[in-house]
PDB file of N, CA and C in Angstrom:
ATOM      1  N   MET A   1       0.850  -1.132  -0.036  1.00  0.00           N
ATOM      2  CA  MET A   1      -0.015   0.017   0.048  1.00  0.00           C
ATOM      3  C   MET A   1       0.895   1.215   0.045  1.00  0.00           C
ATOM      4  N   GLY A   2       0.616   2.242  -0.904  1.00  0.00           N
ATOM      5  CA  GLY A   2       1.403   3.422  -0.973  1.00  0.00           C
ATOM      6  C   GLY A   2       1.023   4.394   0.177  1.00  0.00           C
ATOM      7  N   ASP A   3       1.750   5.436   0.284  1.00  0.00           N
ATOM      8  CA  ASP A   3       1.491   6.430   1.278  1.00  0.00           C
ATOM      9  C   ASP A   3       0.195   7.034   1.147  1.00  0.00           C
ATOM     10  N   GLU A   4      -0.241   7.412  -0.061  1.00  0.00           N
ATOM     11  CA  GLU A   4      -1.504   7.969  -0.310  1.00  0.00           C
ATOM     12  C   GLU A   4      -2.632   7.122   0.033  1.00  0.00           C
ATOM     13  N   GLU A   5      -2.530   5.754  -0.277  1.00  0.00           N
ATOM     14  CA  GLU A   5      -3.593   4.820   0.014  1.00  0.00           C
ATOM     15  C   GLU A   5      -3.670   4.722   1.517  1.00  0.00           C
ATOM     16  N   GLY A   6      -2.541   4.662   2.157  1.00  0.00           N
ATOM     17  CA  GLY A   6      -2.494   4.557   3.706  1.00  0.00           C
ATOM     18  C   GLY A   6      -3.143   5.745   4.356  1.00  0.00           C
ATOM     19  N   ASP A   7      -2.907   6.898   3.739  1.00  0.00           N
ATOM     20  CA  ASP A   7      -3.509   8.180   4.263  1.00  0.00           C
ATOM     21  C   ASP A   7      -4.995   8.138   4.173  1.00  0.00           C
ATOM     22  N   PHE A   8      -5.476   7.617   2.975  1.00  0.00           N
ATOM     23  CA  PHE A   8      -6.901   7.574   2.708  1.00  0.00           C
ATOM     24  C   PHE A   8      -7.607   6.571   3.727  1.00  0.00           C
ATOM     25  N   VAL A   9      -6.870   5.388   3.952  1.00  0.00           N
ATOM     26  CA  VAL A   9      -7.465   4.399   4.859  1.00  0.00           C
ATOM     27  C   VAL A   9      -7.572   4.942   6.256  1.00  0.00           C
ATOM     28  N   THR A  10      -6.494   5.603   6.680  1.00  0.00           N
ATOM     29  CA  THR A  10      -6.427   6.237   8.016  1.00  0.00           C
ATOM     30  C   THR A  10      -7.520   7.310   8.121  1.00  0.00           C
ATOM     31  N   TYR A  11      -7.649   8.173   7.164  1.00  0.00           N
ATOM     32  CA  TYR A  11      -8.717   9.248   7.252  1.00  0.00           C
ATOM     33  C   TYR A  11     -10.020   8.652   7.294  1.00  0.00           C
ATOM     34  N   SER A  12     -10.328   7.479   6.489  1.00  0.00           N
ATOM     35  CA  SER A  12     -11.598   6.949   6.507  1.00  0.00           C
ATOM     36  C   SER A  12     -12.026   6.431   7.960  1.00  0.00           C
ATOM     37  N   LEU A  13     -11.032   6.044   8.699  1.00  0.00           N
ATOM     38  CA  LEU A  13     -11.331   5.588  10.034  1.00  0.00           C
ATOM     39  C   LEU A  13     -11.809   6.742  11.000  1.00  0.00           C
ATOM     40  N   TYR A  14     -11.263   7.968  10.755  1.00  0.00           N
ATOM     41  CA  TYR A  14     -11.492   9.109  11.581  1.00  0.00           C
ATOM     42  C   TYR A  14     -12.413  10.055  10.927  1.00  0.00           C
ATOM     43  N   GLU A  15     -12.900   9.907   9.760  1.00  0.00           N
ATOM     44  CA  GLU A  15     -13.679  10.899   8.977  1.00  0.00           C
ATOM     45  C   GLU A  15     -14.878  11.397   9.707  1.00  0.00           C
ATOM     46  N   GLY A  16     -15.683  10.535  10.205  1.00  0.00           N
ATOM     47  CA  GLY A  16     -16.918  10.987  10.964  1.00  0.00           C
ATOM     48  C   GLY A  16     -16.605  11.840  12.214  1.00  0.00           C
ATOM     49  N   ILE A  17     -15.522  11.345  12.939  1.00  0.00           N
ATOM     50  CA  ILE A  17     -15.076  11.997  14.140  1.00  0.00           C
ATOM     51  C   ILE A  17     -14.615  13.395  13.761  1.00  0.00           C
ATOM     52  N   VAL A  18     -13.787  13.514  12.771  1.00  0.00           N
ATOM     53  CA  VAL A  18     -13.293  14.804  12.348  1.00  0.00           C
ATOM     54  C   VAL A  18     -14.466  15.775  11.929  1.00  0.00           C
ATOM     55  N   SER A  19     -15.442  15.301  11.345  1.00  0.00           N
ATOM     56  CA  SER A  19     -16.626  16.101  11.035  1.00  0.00           C
ATOM     57  C   SER A  19     -17.289  16.584  12.337  1.00  0.00           C
ATOM     58  N   GLU A  20     -17.482  15.784  13.204  1.00  0.00           N
ATOM     59  CA  GLU A  20     -18.126  16.169  14.439  1.00  0.00           C
ATOM     60  C   GLU A  20     -17.261  17.125  15.271  1.00  0.00           C
ATOM     61  N   VAL A  21     -15.993  16.927  15.316  1.00  0.00           N
ATOM     62  CA  VAL A  21     -15.024  17.798  15.941  1.00  0.00           C
ATOM     63  C   VAL A  21     -15.105  19.221  15.281  1.00  0.00           C
ATOM     64  N   LEU A  22     -15.090  19.271  13.992  1.00  0.00           N
ATOM     65  CA  LEU A  22     -15.093  20.549  13.333  1.00  0.00           C
ATOM     66  C   LEU A  22     -16.461  21.233  13.522  1.00  0.00           C
ATOM     67  N   ALA A  23     -17.535  20.496  13.790  1.00  0.00           N
ATOM     68  CA  ALA A  23     -18.858  21.045  14.184  1.00  0.00           C
ATOM     69  C   ALA A  23     -18.931  21.457  15.645  1.00  0.00           C
ATOM     70  N   GLY A  24     -17.899  21.194  16.416  1.00  0.00           N
ATOM     71  CA  GLY A  24     -17.863  21.614  17.767  1.00  0.00           C
ATOM     72  C   GLY A  24     -17.959  20.546  18.849  1.00  0.00           C
ATOM     73  N   ARG A  25     -18.248  19.341  18.452  1.00  0.00           N
ATOM     74  CA  ARG A  25     -18.344  18.239  19.454  1.00  0.00           C
ATOM     75  C   ARG A  25     -16.916  17.661  19.635  1.00  0.00           C
ATOM     76  N   ILE A  26     -16.276  18.105  20.761  1.00  0.00           N
ATOM     77  CA  ILE A  26     -14.893  17.605  20.914  1.00  0.00           C
ATOM     78  C   ILE A  26     -14.807  16.483  22.048  1.00  0.00           C
ATOM     79  N   GLU A  27     -15.866  16.173  22.677  1.00  0.00           N
ATOM     80  CA  GLU A  27     -15.752  15.230  23.842  1.00  0.00           C
ATOM     81  C   GLU A  27     -16.635  13.975  23.507  1.00  0.00           C
ATOM     82  N   GLY A  28     -16.222  12.867  24.024  1.00  0.00           N
ATOM     83  CA  GLY A  28     -17.027  11.678  24.042  1.00  0.00           C
ATOM     84  C   GLY A  28     -16.762  10.757  22.877  1.00  0.00           C
ATOM     85  N   HIS A  29     -15.702  10.990  22.066  1.00  0.00           N
ATOM     86  CA  HIS A  29     -15.401  10.166  20.915  1.00  0.00           C
ATOM     87  C   HIS A  29     -14.443   8.983  21.329  1.00  0.00           C
ATOM     88  N   LYS A  30     -14.813   7.770  20.838  1.00  0.00           N
ATOM     89  CA  LYS A  30     -13.952   6.600  21.118  1.00  0.00           C
ATOM     90  C   LYS A  30     -12.920   6.405  20.026  1.00  0.00           C
ATOM     91  N   CYS A  31     -11.782   5.850  20.322  1.00  0.00           N
ATOM     92  CA  CYS A  31     -10.822   5.534  19.328  1.00  0.00           C
ATOM     93  C   CYS A  31     -11.181   4.508  18.373  1.00  0.00           C
ATOM     94  N   PRO A  32     -11.061   4.758  17.060  1.00  0.00           N
ATOM     95  CA  PRO A  32     -11.475   3.819  16.076  1.00  0.00           C
ATOM     96  C   PRO A  32     -10.472   2.669  15.937  1.00  0.00           C
ATOM     97  N   ILE A  33      -9.277   2.856  16.535  1.00  0.00           N
ATOM     98  CA  ILE A  33      -8.237   1.809  16.405  1.00  0.00           C
ATOM     99  C   ILE A  33      -8.450   0.745  17.596  1.00  0.00           C
ATOM    100  N   CYS A  34      -8.318   1.237  18.827  1.00  0.00           N
ATOM    101  CA  CYS A  34      -8.337   0.280  19.986  1.00  0.00           C
ATOM    102  C   CYS A  34      -9.787   0.119  20.471  1.00  0.00           C
ATOM    103  N   VAL A  35     -10.651   0.942  20.128  1.00  0.00           N
ATOM    104  CA  VAL A  35     -12.089   0.929  20.385  1.00  0.00           C
ATOM    105  C   VAL A  35     -12.451   1.306  21.897  1.00  0.00           C
ATOM    106  N   GLU A  36     -11.418   1.115  22.771  1.00  0.00           N
ATOM    107  CA  GLU A  36     -11.611   1.267  24.226  1.00  0.00           C
ATOM    108  C   GLU A  36     -11.258   2.666  24.700  1.00  0.00           C
ATOM    109  N   GLY A  37     -10.275   3.248  24.045  1.00  0.00           N
ATOM    110  CA  GLY A  37      -9.785   4.542  24.486  1.00  0.00           C
ATOM    111  C   GLY A  37     -10.651   5.730  24.087  1.00  0.00           C
ATOM    112  N   GLU A  38     -10.512   6.765  24.899  1.00  0.00           N
ATOM    113  CA  GLU A  38     -11.285   8.024  24.505  1.00  0.00           C
ATOM    114  C   GLU A  38     -10.305   8.964  23.830  1.00  0.00           C
ATOM    115  N   LEU A  39     -10.803   9.683  22.858  1.00  0.00           N
ATOM    116  CA  LEU A  39      -9.983  10.603  22.087  1.00  0.00           C
ATOM    117  C   LEU A  39      -9.895  12.046  22.670  1.00  0.00           C
ATOM    118  N   ASP A  40      -8.782  12.524  22.773  1.00  0.00           N
ATOM    119  CA  ASP A  40      -8.501  13.920  23.131  1.00  0.00           C
ATOM    120  C   ASP A  40      -8.559  14.681  21.813  1.00  0.00           C
ATOM    121  N   CYS A  41      -9.525  15.559  21.622  1.00  0.00           N
ATOM    122  CA  CYS A  41      -9.789  16.224  20.362  1.00  0.00           C
ATOM    123  C   CYS A  41      -9.595  17.730  20.473  1.00  0.00           C
ATOM    124  N   SER A  42      -8.997  18.323  19.414  1.00  0.00           N
ATOM    125  CA  SER A  42      -8.906  19.772  19.348  1.00  0.00           C
ATOM    126  C   SER A  42      -8.931  20.165  17.905  1.00  0.00           C
ATOM    127  N   ALA A  43      -9.385  21.329  17.648  1.00  0.00           N
ATOM    128  CA  ALA A  43      -9.462  21.974  16.237  1.00  0.00           C
ATOM    129  C   ALA A  43      -9.476  23.474  16.402  1.00  0.00           C
ATOM    130  N   ASP A  44      -8.855  24.007  15.398  1.00  0.00           N
ATOM    131  CA  ASP A  44      -8.935  25.474  15.176  1.00  0.00           C
ATOM    132  C   ASP A  44      -9.166  25.734  13.610  1.00  0.00           C
ATOM    133  N   ASP A  45      -8.966  27.014  13.201  1.00  0.00           N
ATOM    134  CA  ASP A  45      -9.212  27.297  11.799  1.00  0.00           C
ATOM    135  C   ASP A  45      -8.280  26.592  10.824  1.00  0.00           C
ATOM    136  N   MET A  46      -7.160  26.063  11.316  1.00  0.00           N
ATOM    137  CA  MET A  46      -6.135  25.516  10.395  1.00  0.00           C
ATOM    138  C   MET A  46      -5.790  23.998  10.692  1.00  0.00           C
ATOM    139  N   HIS A  47      -6.210  23.539  11.745  1.00  0.00           N
ATOM    140  CA  HIS A  47      -5.612  22.212  12.238  1.00  0.00           C
ATOM    141  C   HIS A  47      -6.586  21.405  13.058  1.00  0.00           C
ATOM    142  N   VAL A  48      -6.676  20.054  12.874  1.00  0.00           N
ATOM    143  CA  VAL A  48      -7.422  19.214  13.753  1.00  0.00           C
ATOM    144  C   VAL A  48      -6.494  18.100  14.283  1.00  0.00           C
ATOM    145  N   MET A  49      -6.666  17.777  15.506  1.00  0.00           N
ATOM    146  CA  MET A  49      -5.799  16.814  16.136  1.00  0.00           C
ATOM    147  C   MET A  49      -6.678  15.919  17.008  1.00  0.00           C
ATOM    148  N   LEU A  50      -6.648  14.541  16.767  1.00  0.00           N
ATOM    149  CA  LEU A  50      -7.334  13.565  17.516  1.00  0.00           C
ATOM    150  C   LEU A  50      -6.266  12.602  18.113  1.00  0.00           C
ATOM    151  N   LYS A  51      -6.282  12.375  19.466  1.00  0.00           N
ATOM    152  CA  LYS A  51      -5.268  11.428  19.996  1.00  0.00           C
ATOM    153  C   LYS A  51      -5.857  10.558  21.033  1.00  0.00           C
ATOM    154  N   CYS A  52      -5.608   9.278  20.965  1.00  0.00           N
ATOM    155  CA  CYS A  52      -6.244   8.326  21.937  1.00  0.00           C
ATOM    156  C   CYS A  52      -5.485   8.425  23.209  1.00  0.00           C
ATOM    157  N   LYS A  53      -6.231   8.496  24.379  1.00  0.00           N
ATOM    158  CA  LYS A  53      -5.618   8.632  25.644  1.00  0.00           C
ATOM    159  C   LYS A  53      -5.158   7.179  26.103  1.00  0.00           C
ATOM    160  N   LYS A  54      -5.644   6.150  25.475  1.00  0.00           N
ATOM    161  CA  LYS A  54      -5.217   4.791  25.913  1.00  0.00           C
ATOM    162  C   LYS A  54      -4.007   4.186  25.126  1.00  0.00           C
ATOM    163  N   CYS A  55      -4.201   4.146  23.699  1.00  0.00           N
ATOM    164  CA  CYS A  55      -3.161   3.527  22.894  1.00  0.00           C
ATOM    165  C   CYS A  55      -2.230   4.511  22.223  1.00  0.00           C
ATOM    166  N   GLY A  56      -2.514   5.828  22.309  1.00  0.00           N
ATOM    167  CA  GLY A  56      -1.535   6.772  21.763  1.00  0.00           C
ATOM    168  C   GLY A  56      -1.682   7.027  20.333  1.00  0.00           C
ATOM    169  N   ARG A  57      -2.525   6.291  19.570  1.00  0.00           N
ATOM    170  CA  ARG A  57      -2.567   6.611  18.174  1.00  0.00           C
ATOM    171  C   ARG A  57      -3.200   7.900  17.952  1.00  0.00           C
ATOM    172  N   PHE A  58      -2.875   8.538  16.810  1.00  0.00           N
ATOM    173  CA  PHE A  58      -3.468   9.877  16.624  1.00  0.00           C
ATOM    174  C   PHE A  58      -3.689  10.144  15.164  1.00  0.00           C
ATOM    175  N   PHE A  59      -4.500  11.086  14.906  1.00  0.00           N
ATOM    176  CA  PHE A  59      -4.785  11.605  13.561  1.00  0.00           C
ATOM    177  C   PHE A  59      -4.612  13.112  13.616  1.00  0.00           C
ATOM    178  N   GLU A  60      -3.892  13.733  12.654  1.00  0.00           N
ATOM    179  CA  GLU A  60      -3.642  15.083  12.668  1.00  0.00           C
ATOM    180  C   GLU A  60      -3.802  15.573  11.211  1.00  0.00           C
ATOM    181  N   GLY A  61      -4.434  16.657  11.045  1.00  0.00           N
ATOM    182  CA  GLY A  61      -4.749  17.161   9.655  1.00  0.00           C
ATOM    183  C   GLY A  61      -4.648  18.739   9.595  1.00  0.00           C
ATOM    184  N   MET A  62      -4.303  19.198   8.473  1.00  0.00           N
ATOM    185  CA  MET A  62      -4.359  20.623   8.165  1.00  0.00           C
ATOM    186  C   MET A  62      -5.612  20.933   7.327  1.00  0.00           C
ATOM    187  N   LEU A  63      -6.254  21.935   7.657  1.00  0.00           N
ATOM    188  CA  LEU A  63      -7.488  22.339   6.931  1.00  0.00           C
ATOM    189  C   LEU A  63      -7.142  23.454   5.874  1.00  0.00           C
ATOM    190  N   ALA A  64      -7.726  23.143   4.681  1.00  0.00           N
ATOM    191  CA  ALA A  64      -7.469  24.116   3.636  1.00  0.00           C
ATOM    192  C   ALA A  64      -8.641  25.031   3.384  1.00  0.00           C
TER     193      ALA A  64
END
């Protein structure tokens, strides 16, 4: 799998959560990787960050 394919697969796991975080819901999201951990979420005009408090996996993106 190439980097672009990997990025797309990773984004697809977090896509719904990213949409909700950008809409203002930053609490109560579960990690799509370990399923047990809660995500620490933040977003501003340029950046979104989701990080699992249990497994440490994260998703980070720049907004265009």
